Amino acid sequence: MTAVAIGIGYLVAGIVGDEIGFGVFGLALMLAVGAAFVWAGRHSETVAGLLDRRDERINRIDAGASLFAGMSILISVIVMFMVEIARGQDGSPYYQLGALGGVSYVVALVWLRLRR
């Protein structure tokens, strides 16, 4: 379902931006990705666990993978910000992305702390 929503978002963005080919390609790509996940969910315990969210072990693996991906992006944003500053630029858009990541982290930290 998420892949379909993202694909529709690509299609709408392509139509609005007068890039119909991009929109159609994005929709087709996301439909193919979604179909691949549905197919893989029938043949892989890991993918099935990620899709139905009932297996605590798979959920912990997913949380660890999400943490790794998030830290990789955070480090990349910080490095790219420093490169932009070293080039004499204003650091945009990297300082906005870094601020968004920091605020998101604090909000999630407070929210999860209050829930547990």
N, C-alpha and C. Protein backbone atom coordinates (compact mmCIF):
# COMPACT_ATOMS: atom_id res chain seq x y z
N MET A 1 0.82 -1.19 0.00
CA MET A 1 0.00 0.00 0.00
C MET A 1 0.87 1.26 0.00
N THR A 2 1.96 1.24 0.76
CA THR A 2 2.86 2.39 0.81
C THR A 2 3.47 2.65 -0.55
N ALA A 3 3.88 1.59 -1.23
CA ALA A 3 4.48 1.75 -2.56
C ALA A 3 3.49 2.38 -3.53
N VAL A 4 2.23 2.00 -3.44
CA VAL A 4 1.21 2.58 -4.32
C VAL A 4 1.05 4.07 -4.02
N ALA A 5 1.00 4.43 -2.74
CA ALA A 5 0.86 5.85 -2.36
C ALA A 5 2.05 6.67 -2.85
N ILE A 6 3.25 6.14 -2.69
CA ILE A 6 4.44 6.86 -3.17
C ILE A 6 4.40 6.98 -4.69
N GLY A 7 4.01 5.91 -5.37
CA GLY A 7 3.90 5.95 -6.83
C GLY A 7 2.90 6.99 -7.30
N ILE A 8 1.77 7.08 -6.62
CA ILE A 8 0.78 8.11 -6.97
C ILE A 8 1.36 9.50 -6.71
N GLY A 9 2.11 9.63 -5.62
CA GLY A 9 2.78 10.91 -5.35
C GLY A 9 3.74 11.29 -6.47
N TYR A 10 4.50 10.32 -6.97
CA TYR A 10 5.40 10.57 -8.10
C TYR A 10 4.61 11.01 -9.33
N LEU A 11 3.50 10.33 -9.58
CA LEU A 11 2.68 10.66 -10.74
C LEU A 11 2.14 12.08 -10.63
N VAL A 12 1.61 12.43 -9.47
CA VAL A 12 1.08 13.78 -9.26
C VAL A 12 2.19 14.82 -9.42
N ALA A 13 3.36 14.55 -8.82
CA ALA A 13 4.49 15.49 -8.94
C ALA A 13 4.90 15.65 -10.40
N GLY A 14 4.91 14.55 -11.15
CA GLY A 14 5.26 14.62 -12.56
C GLY A 14 4.26 15.41 -13.37
N ILE A 15 2.98 15.23 -13.06
CA ILE A 15 1.94 15.98 -13.78
C ILE A 15 2.04 17.47 -13.45
N VAL A 16 2.16 17.79 -12.17
CA VAL A 16 2.25 19.19 -11.74
C VAL A 16 3.50 19.86 -12.31
N GLY A 17 4.61 19.15 -12.33
CA GLY A 17 5.87 19.70 -12.82
C GLY A 17 6.05 19.56 -14.32
N ASP A 18 5.01 19.14 -15.02
CA ASP A 18 5.05 18.96 -16.47
C ASP A 18 6.15 17.99 -16.89
N GLU A 19 6.33 16.96 -16.08
CA GLU A 19 7.28 15.88 -16.37
C GLU A 19 6.50 14.56 -16.31
N ILE A 20 5.59 14.39 -17.24
CA ILE A 20 4.69 13.24 -17.25
C ILE A 20 5.47 11.93 -17.28
N GLY A 21 6.54 11.89 -18.05
CA GLY A 21 7.36 10.67 -18.14
C GLY A 21 7.91 10.26 -16.79
N PHE A 22 8.40 11.25 -16.03
CA PHE A 22 8.89 10.97 -14.68
C PHE A 22 7.77 10.39 -13.82
N GLY A 23 6.60 11.01 -13.88
CA GLY A 23 5.48 10.55 -13.06
C GLY A 23 5.05 9.14 -13.40
N VAL A 24 4.93 8.85 -14.68
CA VAL A 24 4.52 7.51 -15.11
C VAL A 24 5.59 6.49 -14.74
N PHE A 25 6.86 6.83 -14.98
CA PHE A 25 7.95 5.92 -14.62
C PHE A 25 7.97 5.68 -13.11
N GLY A 26 7.83 6.75 -12.32
CA GLY A 26 7.84 6.61 -10.86
C GLY A 26 6.70 5.73 -10.38
N LEU A 27 5.51 5.92 -10.93
CA LEU A 27 4.37 5.09 -10.55
C LEU A 27 4.63 3.63 -10.92
N ALA A 28 5.09 3.39 -12.15
CA ALA A 28 5.35 2.02 -12.59
C ALA A 28 6.44 1.36 -11.73
N LEU A 29 7.48 2.12 -11.44
CA LEU A 29 8.56 1.59 -10.61
C LEU A 29 8.06 1.20 -9.22
N MET A 30 7.28 2.08 -8.60
CA MET A 30 6.79 1.79 -7.25
C MET A 30 5.78 0.65 -7.25
N LEU A 31 4.97 0.53 -8.29
CA LEU A 31 4.07 -0.62 -8.38
C LEU A 31 4.87 -1.91 -8.51
N ALA A 32 5.95 -1.88 -9.28
CA ALA A 32 6.81 -3.06 -9.41
C ALA A 32 7.48 -3.39 -8.08
N VAL A 33 7.96 -2.38 -7.37
CA VAL A 33 8.58 -2.61 -6.05
C VAL A 33 7.56 -3.19 -5.09
N GLY A 34 6.36 -2.64 -5.07
CA GLY A 34 5.31 -3.16 -4.20
C GLY A 34 4.97 -4.61 -4.53
N ALA A 35 4.86 -4.91 -5.82
CA ALA A 35 4.57 -6.29 -6.23
C ALA A 35 5.71 -7.22 -5.84
N ALA A 36 6.95 -6.74 -5.95
CA ALA A 36 8.10 -7.57 -5.55
C ALA A 36 8.06 -7.86 -4.05
N PHE A 37 7.68 -6.88 -3.25
CA PHE A 37 7.57 -7.11 -1.81
C PHE A 37 6.46 -8.11 -1.48
N VAL A 38 5.33 -8.00 -2.16
CA VAL A 38 4.24 -8.95 -1.94
C VAL A 38 4.70 -10.35 -2.31
N TRP A 39 5.37 -10.49 -3.47
CA TRP A 39 5.87 -11.80 -3.90
C TRP A 39 6.90 -12.32 -2.90
N ALA A 40 7.85 -11.46 -2.51
CA ALA A 40 8.90 -11.88 -1.58
C ALA A 40 8.31 -12.24 -0.22
N GLY A 41 7.23 -11.58 0.16
CA GLY A 41 6.58 -11.89 1.44
C GLY A 41 6.03 -13.30 1.49
N ARG A 42 5.74 -13.85 0.34
CA ARG A 42 5.24 -15.23 0.28
C ARG A 42 6.37 -16.26 0.30
N HIS A 43 7.60 -15.80 0.03
CA HIS A 43 8.72 -16.72 -0.08
C HIS A 43 9.84 -16.47 0.92
N SER A 44 9.72 -15.42 1.72
CA SER A 44 10.79 -15.06 2.65
C SER A 44 10.20 -14.76 4.02
N GLU A 45 10.72 -15.45 5.04
CA GLU A 45 10.27 -15.21 6.41
C GLU A 45 10.57 -13.77 6.84
N THR A 46 11.72 -13.26 6.44
CA THR A 46 12.11 -11.91 6.83
C THR A 46 11.17 -10.87 6.23
N VAL A 47 10.92 -10.96 4.93
CA VAL A 47 10.03 -9.99 4.28
C VAL A 47 8.62 -10.12 4.82
N ALA A 48 8.15 -11.35 5.02
CA ALA A 48 6.82 -11.54 5.59
C ALA A 48 6.73 -10.91 6.97
N GLY A 49 7.78 -11.06 7.77
CA GLY A 49 7.80 -10.45 9.10
C GLY A 49 7.79 -8.94 9.04
N LEU A 50 8.50 -8.37 8.06
CA LEU A 50 8.50 -6.91 7.91
C LEU A 50 7.15 -6.39 7.45
N LEU A 51 6.43 -7.19 6.68
CA LEU A 51 5.14 -6.76 6.17
C LEU A 51 4.03 -6.88 7.21
N ASP A 52 4.05 -7.94 8.03
CA ASP A 52 2.93 -8.12 8.97
C ASP A 52 3.22 -7.64 10.39
N ARG A 53 4.50 -7.41 10.72
CA ARG A 53 4.91 -6.81 12.00
C ARG A 53 4.51 -7.61 13.24
N ARG A 54 4.38 -8.93 13.13
CA ARG A 54 4.02 -9.74 14.29
C ARG A 54 5.21 -10.41 14.96
N ASP A 55 6.36 -10.42 14.30
CA ASP A 55 7.54 -11.11 14.81
C ASP A 55 8.47 -10.10 15.49
N GLU A 56 8.63 -10.23 16.80
CA GLU A 56 9.46 -9.28 17.56
C GLU A 56 10.93 -9.31 17.12
N ARG A 57 11.42 -10.49 16.77
CA ARG A 57 12.82 -10.60 16.33
C ARG A 57 13.03 -9.80 15.04
N ILE A 58 12.14 -9.96 14.09
CA ILE A 58 12.24 -9.23 12.83
C ILE A 58 12.09 -7.73 13.09
N ASN A 59 11.21 -7.35 14.01
CA ASN A 59 11.03 -5.93 14.33
C ASN A 59 12.30 -5.34 14.93
N ARG A 60 13.02 -6.11 15.75
CA ARG A 60 14.29 -5.62 16.31
C ARG A 60 15.34 -5.48 15.21
N ILE A 61 15.38 -6.44 14.29
CA ILE A 61 16.31 -6.36 13.16
C ILE A 61 15.99 -5.11 12.33
N ASP A 62 14.71 -4.87 12.08
CA ASP A 62 14.29 -3.70 11.31
C ASP A 62 14.68 -2.41 12.03
N ALA A 63 14.50 -2.37 13.35
CA ALA A 63 14.88 -1.17 14.12
C ALA A 63 16.38 -0.92 14.01
N GLY A 64 17.17 -1.97 14.10
CA GLY A 64 18.62 -1.82 13.96
C GLY A 64 19.02 -1.34 12.57
N ALA A 65 18.37 -1.89 11.55
CA ALA A 65 18.66 -1.47 10.17
C ALA A 65 18.23 -0.02 9.95
N SER A 66 17.10 0.36 10.53
CA SER A 66 16.64 1.75 10.42
C SER A 66 17.59 2.70 11.12
N LEU A 67 18.10 2.29 12.28
CA LEU A 67 19.08 3.11 13.00
C LEU A 67 20.34 3.30 12.16
N PHE A 68 20.83 2.22 11.57
CA PHE A 68 22.02 2.30 10.73
C PHE A 68 21.79 3.24 9.54
N ALA A 69 20.64 3.09 8.87
CA ALA A 69 20.34 3.95 7.72
C ALA A 69 20.23 5.41 8.15
N GLY A 70 19.56 5.66 9.27
CA GLY A 70 19.42 7.02 9.76
C GLY A 70 20.75 7.65 10.12
N MET A 71 21.62 6.90 10.78
CA MET A 71 22.94 7.42 11.15
C MET A 71 23.79 7.67 9.90
N SER A 72 23.66 6.80 8.90
CA SER A 72 24.40 7.01 7.65
C SER A 72 23.98 8.31 6.98
N ILE A 73 22.69 8.56 6.95
CA ILE A 73 22.20 9.80 6.35
C ILE A 73 22.61 11.00 7.18
N LEU A 74 22.53 10.89 8.50
CA LEU A 74 22.94 11.99 9.38
C LEU A 74 24.41 12.35 9.17
N ILE A 75 25.26 11.35 9.14
CA ILE A 75 26.69 11.60 8.92
C ILE A 75 26.91 12.23 7.55
N SER A 76 26.20 11.75 6.53
CA SER A 76 26.33 12.32 5.19
C SER A 76 25.91 13.78 5.16
N VAL A 77 24.81 14.10 5.83
CA VAL A 77 24.33 15.49 5.87
C VAL A 77 25.36 16.38 6.56
N ILE A 78 25.92 15.93 7.67
CA ILE A 78 26.92 16.72 8.39
C ILE A 78 28.15 16.95 7.51
N VAL A 79 28.63 15.89 6.86
CA VAL A 79 29.81 16.02 6.00
C VAL A 79 29.52 16.96 4.83
N MET A 80 28.36 16.80 4.20
CA MET A 80 28.03 17.67 3.07
C MET A 80 27.87 19.12 3.52
N PHE A 81 27.34 19.35 4.72
CA PHE A 81 27.24 20.70 5.27
C PHE A 81 28.64 21.30 5.42
N MET A 82 29.57 20.52 5.98
CA MET A 82 30.94 21.02 6.16
C MET A 82 31.60 21.33 4.81
N VAL A 83 31.36 20.50 3.81
CA VAL A 83 31.92 20.74 2.48
C VAL A 83 31.35 22.04 1.91
N GLU A 84 30.06 22.25 2.06
CA GLU A 84 29.44 23.49 1.57
C GLU A 84 30.03 24.72 2.25
N ILE A 85 30.23 24.65 3.56
CA ILE A 85 30.82 25.77 4.30
C ILE A 85 32.27 25.99 3.83
N ALA A 86 33.02 24.90 3.64
CA ALA A 86 34.41 25.01 3.18
C ALA A 86 34.49 25.63 1.78
N ARG A 87 33.46 25.46 0.98
CA ARG A 87 33.42 26.05 -0.36
C ARG A 87 32.95 27.51 -0.34
N GLY A 88 32.65 28.02 0.85
CA GLY A 88 32.20 29.39 0.97
C GLY A 88 30.71 29.58 0.75
N GLN A 89 29.97 28.48 0.75
CA GLN A 89 28.51 28.54 0.58
C GLN A 89 27.85 28.68 1.95
N ASP A 90 26.51 28.75 1.96
CA ASP A 90 25.80 28.93 3.23
C ASP A 90 25.40 27.62 3.90
N GLY A 91 25.72 26.49 3.30
CA GLY A 91 25.40 25.20 3.91
C GLY A 91 24.02 24.68 3.58
N SER A 92 23.30 25.40 2.76
CA SER A 92 21.94 25.00 2.39
C SER A 92 22.00 23.94 1.30
N PRO A 93 21.18 22.95 1.29
CA PRO A 93 20.06 22.64 2.16
C PRO A 93 20.43 21.75 3.34
N TYR A 94 21.72 21.55 3.55
CA TYR A 94 22.15 20.56 4.53
C TYR A 94 21.87 20.98 5.97
N TYR A 95 21.94 22.29 6.26
CA TYR A 95 21.63 22.69 7.63
C TYR A 95 20.15 22.51 7.92
N GLN A 96 19.28 22.67 6.91
CA GLN A 96 17.85 22.42 7.13
C GLN A 96 17.60 20.93 7.38
N LEU A 97 18.26 20.09 6.59
CA LEU A 97 18.09 18.64 6.79
C LEU A 97 18.62 18.21 8.15
N GLY A 98 19.76 18.77 8.56
CA GLY A 98 20.31 18.46 9.88
C GLY A 98 19.38 18.92 10.99
N ALA A 99 18.82 20.12 10.85
CA ALA A 99 17.88 20.63 11.85
C ALA A 99 16.63 19.76 11.91
N LEU A 100 16.13 19.37 10.76
CA LEU A 100 14.95 18.49 10.73
C LEU A 100 15.24 17.17 11.43
N GLY A 101 16.41 16.60 11.15
CA GLY A 101 16.79 15.35 11.82
C GLY A 101 16.91 15.52 13.32
N GLY A 102 17.52 16.61 13.76
CA GLY A 102 17.68 16.85 15.20
C GLY A 102 16.36 17.06 15.90
N VAL A 103 15.49 17.87 15.32
CA VAL A 103 14.17 18.12 15.92
C VAL A 103 13.35 16.83 15.93
N SER A 104 13.40 16.08 14.84
CA SER A 104 12.67 14.80 14.78
C SER A 104 13.14 13.85 15.87
N TYR A 105 14.45 13.81 16.09
CA TYR A 105 15.00 12.94 17.13
C TYR A 105 14.49 13.34 18.50
N VAL A 106 14.54 14.63 18.81
CA VAL A 106 14.11 15.10 20.13
C VAL A 106 12.62 14.82 20.33
N VAL A 107 11.80 15.09 19.32
CA VAL A 107 10.37 14.83 19.43
C VAL A 107 10.12 13.34 19.65
N ALA A 108 10.79 12.49 18.88
CA ALA A 108 10.62 11.04 19.04
C ALA A 108 11.09 10.59 20.41
N LEU A 109 12.20 11.14 20.88
CA LEU A 109 12.72 10.78 22.20
C LEU A 109 11.72 11.12 23.29
N VAL A 110 11.17 12.31 23.26
CA VAL A 110 10.18 12.72 24.27
C VAL A 110 8.92 11.88 24.15
N TRP A 111 8.44 11.70 22.93
CA TRP A 111 7.21 10.92 22.72
C TRP A 111 7.36 9.48 23.22
N LEU A 112 8.45 8.84 22.84
CA LEU A 112 8.65 7.45 23.27
C LEU A 112 8.87 7.36 24.77
N ARG A 113 9.55 8.33 25.35
CA ARG A 113 9.78 8.33 26.81
C ARG A 113 8.47 8.45 27.56
N LEU A 114 7.57 9.29 27.08
CA LEU A 114 6.28 9.47 27.74
C LEU A 114 5.37 8.26 27.57
N ARG A 115 5.53 7.54 26.48
CA ARG A 115 4.70 6.35 26.22
C ARG A 115 5.17 5.13 26.99
N ARG A 116 6.43 5.08 27.38
CA ARG A 116 6.96 3.86 28.01
C ARG A 116 7.17 4.10 29.44
